[in-house]
């Protein structure tokens, strides 16, 4: 499964991420400069993957 991350503000997929990020590390959009924490981004990715898997499994067992 491939997951792409896009900036909530401008839709860019280019980010500046620290070399060794932790949950409170700041991730900056390379296009518009929007800032979010690494922890929030990872949680959003996990939530999206969970939703996608639930939807796919639901279709398999109909």
PDB file of N, CA and C in Angstrom:
ATOM      1  N   UNK A   1       0.845  -1.171   0.000  1.00  0.00           N
ATOM      2  CA  UNK A   1       0.000   0.000   0.000  1.00  0.00           C
ATOM      3  C   UNK A   1       0.893   1.238   0.000  1.00  0.00           C
ATOM      4  N   UNK A   2       0.598   2.138  -0.879  1.00  0.00           N
ATOM      5  CA  UNK A   2       1.363   3.374  -0.979  1.00  0.00           C
ATOM      6  C   UNK A   2       0.553   4.501  -0.350  1.00  0.00           C
ATOM      7  N   UNK A   3       1.217   5.290   0.473  1.00  0.00           N
ATOM      8  CA  UNK A   3       0.561   6.425   1.121  1.00  0.00           C
ATOM      9  C   UNK A   3       1.323   7.683   0.744  1.00  0.00           C
ATOM     10  N   UNK A   4       0.607   8.674   0.255  1.00  0.00           N
ATOM     11  CA  UNK A   4       1.270   9.939  -0.052  1.00  0.00           C
ATOM     12  C   UNK A   4       0.791  10.988   0.949  1.00  0.00           C
ATOM     13  N   UNK A   5       1.704  11.851   1.311  1.00  0.00           N
ATOM     14  CA  UNK A   5       1.407  12.912   2.275  1.00  0.00           C
ATOM     15  C   UNK A   5       1.435  14.231   1.527  1.00  0.00           C
ATOM     16  N   UNK A   6       0.398  15.007   1.727  1.00  0.00           N
ATOM     17  CA  UNK A   6       0.317  16.310   1.071  1.00  0.00           C
ATOM     18  C   UNK A   6       0.044  17.383   2.111  1.00  0.00           C
ATOM     19  N   UNK A   7       0.544  18.560   1.867  1.00  0.00           N
ATOM     20  CA  UNK A   7       0.333  19.707   2.742  1.00  0.00           C
ATOM     21  C   UNK A   7      -1.163  20.040   2.774  1.00  0.00           C
ATOM     22  N   UNK A   8      -1.695  20.245   3.965  1.00  0.00           N
ATOM     23  CA  UNK A   8      -3.115  20.599   4.107  1.00  0.00           C
ATOM     24  C   UNK A   8      -3.415  21.971   3.509  1.00  0.00           C
ATOM     25  N   UNK A   9      -2.411  22.826   3.507  1.00  0.00           N
ATOM     26  CA  UNK A   9      -2.625  24.202   3.058  1.00  0.00           C
ATOM     27  C   UNK A   9      -2.526  24.359   1.541  1.00  0.00           C
ATOM     28  N   UNK A  10      -1.478  23.775   0.927  1.00  0.00           N
ATOM     29  CA  UNK A  10      -1.257  24.026  -0.504  1.00  0.00           C
ATOM     30  C   UNK A  10      -1.262  22.767  -1.374  1.00  0.00           C
ATOM     31  N   UNK A  11      -1.237  21.580  -0.748  1.00  0.00           N
ATOM     32  CA  UNK A  11      -1.264  20.340  -1.513  1.00  0.00           C
ATOM     33  C   UNK A  11       0.090  19.834  -1.984  1.00  0.00           C
ATOM     34  N   UNK A  12       1.163  20.519  -1.624  1.00  0.00           N
ATOM     35  CA  UNK A  12       2.505  20.100  -2.031  1.00  0.00           C
ATOM     36  C   UNK A  12       2.887  18.792  -1.342  1.00  0.00           C
ATOM     37  N   UNK A  13       3.783  18.032  -1.975  1.00  0.00           N
ATOM     38  CA  UNK A  13       4.294  16.817  -1.347  1.00  0.00           C
ATOM     39  C   UNK A  13       5.789  16.941  -1.024  1.00  0.00           C
ATOM     40  N   UNK A  14       6.276  18.166  -0.979  1.00  0.00           N
ATOM     41  CA  UNK A  14       7.681  18.433  -0.664  1.00  0.00           C
ATOM     42  C   UNK A  14       7.783  18.994   0.750  1.00  0.00           C
ATOM     43  N   UNK A  15       8.553  18.315   1.612  1.00  0.00           N
ATOM     44  CA  UNK A  15       8.669  18.726   3.005  1.00  0.00           C
ATOM     45  C   UNK A  15      10.116  18.763   3.458  1.00  0.00           C
ATOM     46  N   UNK A  16      10.372  19.590   4.447  1.00  0.00           N
ATOM     47  CA  UNK A  16      11.670  19.635   5.109  1.00  0.00           C
ATOM     48  C   UNK A  16      11.477  18.929   6.450  1.00  0.00           C
ATOM     49  N   UNK A  17      12.173  17.784   6.610  1.00  0.00           N
ATOM     50  CA  UNK A  17      12.033  16.959   7.805  1.00  0.00           C
ATOM     51  C   UNK A  17      13.393  16.826   8.462  1.00  0.00           C
ATOM     52  N   UNK A  18      13.472  16.995   9.787  1.00  0.00           N
ATOM     53  CA  UNK A  18      14.753  16.832  10.478  1.00  0.00           C
ATOM     54  C   UNK A  18      15.325  15.426  10.266  1.00  0.00           C
ATOM     55  N   UNK A  19      16.637  15.302  10.360  1.00  0.00           N
ATOM     56  CA  UNK A  19      17.317  14.026  10.123  1.00  0.00           C
ATOM     57  C   UNK A  19      16.853  12.927  11.080  1.00  0.00           C
ATOM     58  N   UNK A  20      16.629  13.252  12.325  1.00  0.00           N
ATOM     59  CA  UNK A  20      16.179  12.277  13.322  1.00  0.00           C
ATOM     60  C   UNK A  20      14.940  12.835  14.026  1.00  0.00           C
ATOM     61  N   UNK A  21      13.806  12.803  13.353  1.00  0.00           N
ATOM     62  CA  UNK A  21      12.614  13.425  13.926  1.00  0.00           C
ATOM     63  C   UNK A  21      12.041  12.648  15.105  1.00  0.00           C
ATOM     64  N   UNK A  22      11.409  13.396  16.030  1.00  0.00           N
ATOM     65  CA  UNK A  22      10.627  12.785  17.096  1.00  0.00           C
ATOM     66  C   UNK A  22       9.231  13.403  17.015  1.00  0.00           C
ATOM     67  N   UNK A  23       8.329  13.003  17.871  1.00  0.00           N
ATOM     68  CA  UNK A  23       6.940  13.460  17.775  1.00  0.00           C
ATOM     69  C   UNK A  23       6.776  14.978  17.800  1.00  0.00           C
ATOM     70  N   UNK A  24       7.668  15.673  18.476  1.00  0.00           N
ATOM     71  CA  UNK A  24       7.525  17.131  18.576  1.00  0.00           C
ATOM     72  C   UNK A  24       8.361  17.902  17.543  1.00  0.00           C
ATOM     73  N   UNK A  25       9.075  17.178  16.681  1.00  0.00           N
ATOM     74  CA  UNK A  25       9.870  17.839  15.637  1.00  0.00           C
ATOM     75  C   UNK A  25       8.955  18.564  14.655  1.00  0.00           C
ATOM     76  N   UNK A  26       9.419  19.695  14.179  1.00  0.00           N
ATOM     77  CA  UNK A  26       8.649  20.489  13.219  1.00  0.00           C
ATOM     78  C   UNK A  26       8.958  20.050  11.793  1.00  0.00           C
ATOM     79  N   UNK A  27       7.906  19.820  11.018  1.00  0.00           N
ATOM     80  CA  UNK A  27       8.020  19.483   9.603  1.00  0.00           C
ATOM     81  C   UNK A  27       7.462  20.672   8.836  1.00  0.00           C
ATOM     82  N   UNK A  28       8.226  21.173   7.875  1.00  0.00           N
ATOM     83  CA  UNK A  28       7.845  22.379   7.141  1.00  0.00           C
ATOM     84  C   UNK A  28       7.584  22.047   5.680  1.00  0.00           C
ATOM     85  N   UNK A  29       6.485  22.591   5.154  1.00  0.00           N
ATOM     86  CA  UNK A  29       6.175  22.426   3.736  1.00  0.00           C
ATOM     87  C   UNK A  29       7.219  23.194   2.929  1.00  0.00           C
ATOM     88  N   UNK A  30       7.787  22.535   1.938  1.00  0.00           N
ATOM     89  CA  UNK A  30       8.804  23.158   1.105  1.00  0.00           C
ATOM     90  C   UNK A  30       8.254  24.212   0.159  1.00  0.00           C
ATOM     91  N   UNK A  31       6.941  24.229  -0.048  1.00  0.00           N
ATOM     92  CA  UNK A  31       6.342  25.183  -0.976  1.00  0.00           C
ATOM     93  C   UNK A  31       5.778  26.410  -0.257  1.00  0.00           C
ATOM     94  N   UNK A  32       4.893  26.192   0.740  1.00  0.00           N
ATOM     95  CA  UNK A  32       4.209  27.333   1.369  1.00  0.00           C
ATOM     96  C   UNK A  32       4.727  27.675   2.760  1.00  0.00           C
ATOM     97  N   UNK A  33       5.553  26.800   3.347  1.00  0.00           N
ATOM     98  CA  UNK A  33       6.122  27.079   4.662  1.00  0.00           C
ATOM     99  C   UNK A  33       5.237  26.688   5.832  1.00  0.00           C
ATOM    100  N   UNK A  34       4.100  26.030   5.575  1.00  0.00           N
ATOM    101  CA  UNK A  34       3.232  25.580   6.667  1.00  0.00           C
ATOM    102  C   UNK A  34       4.017  24.617   7.561  1.00  0.00           C
ATOM    103  N   UNK A  35       3.742  24.663   8.866  1.00  0.00           N
ATOM    104  CA  UNK A  35       4.476  23.841   9.824  1.00  0.00           C
ATOM    105  C   UNK A  35       3.506  22.938  10.575  1.00  0.00           C
ATOM    106  N   UNK A  36       3.915  21.682  10.761  1.00  0.00           N
ATOM    107  CA  UNK A  36       3.147  20.713  11.536  1.00  0.00           C
ATOM    108  C   UNK A  36       4.142  19.854  12.285  1.00  0.00           C
ATOM    109  N   UNK A  37       3.702  19.198  13.346  1.00  0.00           N
ATOM    110  CA  UNK A  37       4.622  18.332  14.077  1.00  0.00           C
ATOM    111  C   UNK A  37       4.681  16.957  13.411  1.00  0.00           C
ATOM    112  N   UNK A  38       5.816  16.346  13.514  1.00  0.00           N
ATOM    113  CA  UNK A  38       6.040  15.018  12.950  1.00  0.00           C
ATOM    114  C   UNK A  38       5.044  14.021  13.543  1.00  0.00           C
ATOM    115  N   UNK A  39       4.799  14.108  14.837  1.00  0.00           N
ATOM    116  CA  UNK A  39       3.869  13.202  15.509  1.00  0.00           C
ATOM    117  C   UNK A  39       2.465  13.280  14.932  1.00  0.00           C
ATOM    118  N   UNK A  40       1.981  14.481  14.653  1.00  0.00           N
ATOM    119  CA  UNK A  40       0.637  14.646  14.089  1.00  0.00           C
ATOM    120  C   UNK A  40       0.566  14.083  12.679  1.00  0.00           C
ATOM    121  N   UNK A  41       1.636  14.257  11.923  1.00  0.00           N
ATOM    122  CA  UNK A  41       1.661  13.730  10.557  1.00  0.00           C
ATOM    123  C   UNK A  41       1.645  12.206  10.581  1.00  0.00           C
ATOM    124  N   UNK A  42       2.445  11.605  11.441  1.00  0.00           N
ATOM    125  CA  UNK A  42       2.503  10.147  11.526  1.00  0.00           C
ATOM    126  C   UNK A  42       1.163   9.587  11.985  1.00  0.00           C
ATOM    127  N   UNK A  43       0.504  10.255  12.925  1.00  0.00           N
ATOM    128  CA  UNK A  43      -0.816   9.812  13.380  1.00  0.00           C
ATOM    129  C   UNK A  43      -1.819   9.886  12.233  1.00  0.00           C
ATOM    130  N   UNK A  44      -1.793  10.970  11.460  1.00  0.00           N
ATOM    131  CA  UNK A  44      -2.715  11.118  10.329  1.00  0.00           C
ATOM    132  C   UNK A  44      -2.481  10.016   9.290  1.00  0.00           C
ATOM    133  N   UNK A  45      -1.225   9.681   9.044  1.00  0.00           N
ATOM    134  CA  UNK A  45      -0.905   8.608   8.102  1.00  0.00           C
ATOM    135  C   UNK A  45      -1.457   7.282   8.630  1.00  0.00           C
ATOM    136  N   UNK A  46      -1.248   7.001   9.901  1.00  0.00           N
ATOM    137  CA  UNK A  46      -1.760   5.767  10.506  1.00  0.00           C
ATOM    138  C   UNK A  46      -3.274   5.689  10.429  1.00  0.00           C
ATOM    139  N   UNK A  47      -3.951   6.804  10.689  1.00  0.00           N
ATOM    140  CA  UNK A  47      -5.410   6.840  10.614  1.00  0.00           C
ATOM    141  C   UNK A  47      -5.889   6.563   9.190  1.00  0.00           C
ATOM    142  N   UNK A  48      -5.202   7.131   8.207  1.00  0.00           N
ATOM    143  CA  UNK A  48      -5.578   6.932   6.804  1.00  0.00           C
ATOM    144  C   UNK A  48      -5.387   5.473   6.391  1.00  0.00           C
ATOM    145  N   UNK A  49      -4.280   4.888   6.775  1.00  0.00           N
ATOM    146  CA  UNK A  49      -4.016   3.487   6.448  1.00  0.00           C
ATOM    147  C   UNK A  49      -5.082   2.595   7.095  1.00  0.00           C
ATOM    148  N   UNK A  50      -5.423   2.864   8.342  1.00  0.00           N
ATOM    149  CA  UNK A  50      -6.443   2.082   9.046  1.00  0.00           C
ATOM    150  C   UNK A  50      -7.784   2.170   8.328  1.00  0.00           C
ATOM    151  N   UNK A  51      -8.175   3.373   7.938  1.00  0.00           N
ATOM    152  CA  UNK A  51      -9.441   3.567   7.206  1.00  0.00           C
ATOM    153  C   UNK A  51      -9.438   2.800   5.884  1.00  0.00           C
ATOM    154  N   UNK A  52      -8.342   2.910   5.150  1.00  0.00           N
ATOM    155  CA  UNK A  52      -8.240   2.226   3.857  1.00  0.00           C
ATOM    156  C   UNK A  52      -8.322   0.708   4.013  1.00  0.00           C
ATOM    157  N   UNK A  53      -7.636   0.169   5.028  1.00  0.00           N
ATOM    158  CA  UNK A  53      -7.677  -1.273   5.264  1.00  0.00           C
ATOM    159  C   UNK A  53      -9.075  -1.732   5.653  1.00  0.00           C
ATOM    160  N   UNK A  54      -9.742  -0.983   6.508  1.00  0.00           N
ATOM    161  CA  UNK A  54     -11.112  -1.331   6.901  1.00  0.00           C
ATOM    162  C   UNK A  54     -12.020  -1.369   5.676  1.00  0.00           C
ATOM    163  N   UNK A  55     -11.889  -0.378   4.812  1.00  0.00           N
ATOM    164  CA  UNK A  55     -12.721  -0.314   3.615  1.00  0.00           C
ATOM    165  C   UNK A  55     -12.431  -1.502   2.690  1.00  0.00           C
ATOM    166  N   UNK A  56     -11.143  -1.806   2.480  1.00  0.00           N
ATOM    167  CA  UNK A  56     -10.778  -2.915   1.601  1.00  0.00           C
ATOM    168  C   UNK A  56     -11.211  -4.259   2.171  1.00  0.00           C
ATOM    169  N   UNK A  57     -11.045  -4.458   3.481  1.00  0.00           N
ATOM    170  CA  UNK A  57     -11.462  -5.716   4.102  1.00  0.00           C
ATOM    171  C   UNK A  57     -12.980  -5.854   4.059  1.00  0.00           C
ATOM    172  N   UNK A  58     -13.686  -4.757   4.233  1.00  0.00           N
ATOM    173  CA  UNK A  58     -15.137  -4.786   4.170  1.00  0.00           C
ATOM    174  C   UNK A  58     -15.623  -5.226   2.806  1.00  0.00           C
ATOM    175  N   UNK A  59     -14.938  -4.802   1.746  1.00  0.00           N
ATOM    176  CA  UNK A  59     -15.314  -5.202   0.388  1.00  0.00           C
ATOM    177  C   UNK A  59     -15.007  -6.682   0.139  1.00  0.00           C
ATOM    178  N   UNK A  60     -13.965  -7.191   0.768  1.00  0.00           N
ATOM    179  CA  UNK A  60     -13.573  -8.583   0.549  1.00  0.00           C
ATOM    180  C   UNK A  60     -14.562  -9.567   1.161  1.00  0.00           C
ATOM    181  N   UNK A  61     -15.202  -9.188   2.253  1.00  0.00           N
ATOM    182  CA  UNK A  61     -16.059 -10.105   2.983  1.00  0.00           C
ATOM    183  C   UNK A  61     -17.544  -9.811   2.814  1.00  0.00           C
ATOM    184  N   UNK A  62     -17.938  -9.300   1.672  1.00  0.00           N
ATOM    185  CA  UNK A  62     -19.358  -9.046   1.402  1.00  0.00           C
ATOM    186  C   UNK A  62     -19.973 -10.251   0.773  1.00  0.00           C
TER     187      UNK A  62
END
